Every structure is written in structure tokens, then in C-alpha cells.
C-alpha atoms as a PDB file:
ATOM      1  CA  UNK A   1      16.446  27.111 -18.759  1.00  0.00           C
ATOM      2  CA  UNK A   2      17.491  29.524 -15.798  1.00  0.00           C
ATOM      3  CA  UNK A   3      20.625  28.891 -13.845  1.00  0.00           C
ATOM      4  CA  UNK A   4      20.849  28.307  -9.895  1.00  0.00           C
ATOM      5  CA  UNK A   5      22.348  32.139  -9.417  1.00  0.00           C
ATOM      6  CA  UNK A   6      19.600  33.563 -11.291  1.00  0.00           C
ATOM      7  CA  UNK A   7      16.978  31.390  -9.506  1.00  0.00           C
ATOM      8  CA  UNK A   8      18.556  31.644  -5.939  1.00  0.00           C
ATOM      9  CA  UNK A   9      19.600  35.505  -6.432  1.00  0.00           C
ATOM     10  CA  UNK A  10      19.763  36.121  -2.728  1.00  0.00           C
ATOM     11  CA  UNK A  11      22.881  35.132  -0.849  1.00  0.00           C
ATOM     12  CA  UNK A  12      23.800  35.510   2.534  1.00  0.00           C
ATOM     13  CA  UNK A  13      26.366  34.451   4.929  1.00  0.00           C
ATOM     14  CA  UNK A  14      26.032  33.518   8.733  1.00  0.00           C
ATOM     15  CA  UNK A  15      29.081  33.649  10.580  1.00  0.00           C
ATOM     16  CA  UNK A  16      32.246  31.616   8.929  1.00  0.00           C
ATOM     17  CA  UNK A  17      30.457  28.451   8.598  1.00  0.00           C
ATOM     18  CA  UNK A  18      26.830  28.925   7.336  1.00  0.00           C
ATOM     19  CA  UNK A  19      25.711  30.320   3.704  1.00  0.00           C
ATOM     20  CA  UNK A  20      21.718  30.484   2.523  1.00  0.00           C
ATOM     21  CA  UNK A  21      20.969  31.113  -0.794  1.00  0.00           C
ATOM     22  CA  UNK A  22      16.850  31.615  -1.326  1.00  0.00           C
ATOM     23  CA  UNK A  23      14.784  33.476  -3.806  1.00  0.00           C
ATOM     24  CA  UNK A  24      12.207  35.254  -1.855  1.00  0.00           C
ATOM     25  CA  UNK A  25      13.254  34.513   2.004  1.00  0.00           C
ATOM     26  CA  UNK A  26      12.687  37.756   3.901  1.00  0.00           C
ATOM     27  CA  UNK A  27      15.579  38.860   6.347  1.00  0.00           C
ATOM     28  CA  UNK A  28      13.498  38.260   9.483  1.00  0.00           C
ATOM     29  CA  UNK A  29      13.524  34.489   7.718  1.00  0.00           C
ATOM     30  CA  UNK A  30      17.177  34.338   6.756  1.00  0.00           C
ATOM     31  CA  UNK A  31      17.897  35.444  10.254  1.00  0.00           C
ATOM     32  CA  UNK A  32      16.136  32.831  11.805  1.00  0.00           C
ATOM     33  CA  UNK A  33      17.157  29.985   9.354  1.00  0.00           C
ATOM     34  CA  UNK A  34      20.702  30.812   9.842  1.00  0.00           C
ATOM     35  CA  UNK A  35      20.487  30.543  13.915  1.00  0.00           C
ATOM     36  CA  UNK A  36      18.609  27.264  13.518  1.00  0.00           C
ATOM     37  CA  UNK A  37      21.566  25.986  11.318  1.00  0.00           C
ATOM     38  CA  UNK A  38      24.067  27.277  13.783  1.00  0.00           C
ATOM     39  CA  UNK A  39      22.457  25.820  16.744  1.00  0.00           C
ATOM     40  CA  UNK A  40      22.375  22.323  14.623  1.00  0.00           C
ATOM     41  CA  UNK A  41      26.037  22.707  13.805  1.00  0.00           C
ATOM     42  CA  UNK A  42      26.754  23.241  17.736  1.00  0.00           C
ATOM     43  CA  UNK A  43      24.878  20.294  18.848  1.00  0.00           C
ATOM     44  CA  UNK A  44      26.356  18.108  15.871  1.00  0.00           C
ATOM     45  CA  UNK A  45      29.974  19.181  17.266  1.00  0.00           C
ATOM     46  CA  UNK A  46      29.009  18.434  21.071  1.00  0.00           C
ATOM     47  CA  UNK A  47      27.567  14.969  20.070  1.00  0.00           C
ATOM     48  CA  UNK A  48      30.343  13.876  18.312  1.00  0.00           C
ATOM     49  CA  UNK A  49      32.936  15.853  20.492  1.00  0.00           C
ATOM     50  CA  UNK A  50      34.777  17.588  17.638  1.00  0.00           C
ATOM     51  CA  UNK A  51      35.008  21.142  19.392  1.00  0.00           C
ATOM     52  CA  UNK A  52      33.821  22.650  15.936  1.00  0.00           C
ATOM     53  CA  UNK A  53      36.325  21.183  13.768  1.00  0.00           C
ATOM     54  CA  UNK A  54      35.427  18.859  10.814  1.00  0.00           C
ATOM     55  CA  UNK A  55      34.979  15.229  11.702  1.00  0.00           C
ATOM     56  CA  UNK A  56      37.523  12.830   9.798  1.00  0.00           C
ATOM     57  CA  UNK A  57      37.661  12.809   6.131  1.00  0.00           C
ATOM     58  CA  UNK A  58      35.031  15.795   5.753  1.00  0.00           C
ATOM     59  CA  UNK A  59      36.652  18.524   3.396  1.00  0.00           C
ATOM     60  CA  UNK A  60      33.607  20.369   3.733  1.00  0.00           C
ATOM     61  CA  UNK A  61      34.406  24.288   5.038  1.00  0.00           C
ATOM     62  CA  UNK A  62      31.001  25.566   4.913  1.00  0.00           C
ATOM     63  CA  UNK A  63      27.340  24.573   5.142  1.00  0.00           C
ATOM     64  CA  UNK A  64      25.563  26.156   1.955  1.00  0.00           C
ATOM     65  CA  UNK A  65      21.791  25.604   2.165  1.00  0.00           C
ATOM     66  CA  UNK A  66      19.714  26.526  -1.106  1.00  0.00           C
ATOM     67  CA  UNK A  67      16.049  27.185  -0.194  1.00  0.00           C
ATOM     68  CA  UNK A  68      13.742  27.217  -2.736  1.00  0.00           C
ATOM     69  CA  UNK A  69      10.526  28.569  -1.748  1.00  0.00           C
END
């Protein structure tokens, strides 16, 4: 059985808070996906009034999306 690192051989970091791992995404799709996730992150922080800080008891520093395509 292949490891996740073998299957998701591409890794791309967007800013300080989003990392994508994929097998076949093009650079254009990586850029679009990261931009979308960043927009969702901003909306989340706006909705909860967290001004870019984690909500209480959230110990995650980044979001990592594993994309199987």
C-alpha cells in the first residue's frame, strides 16, 4: 500500500495558514483552491469576530487540505 506522501506527492503552501496536498492538481487549480479556502477563512473569522485568531480551544495552526483527484 502506498503512503499518503507518495499518493499526494504535490504540496503547496499558501500564505501562513493553508497547505494543499494533491496528486494531480495543476498550478492554476492549486491557486484557485487556495484563494477560495483563504476567502472562507476570512469569512469564518469575520462571522465569529476572531480577527484572524483561533477560536477557544482550537490548537490547529494551519489548515491542510488533502485533495484526491
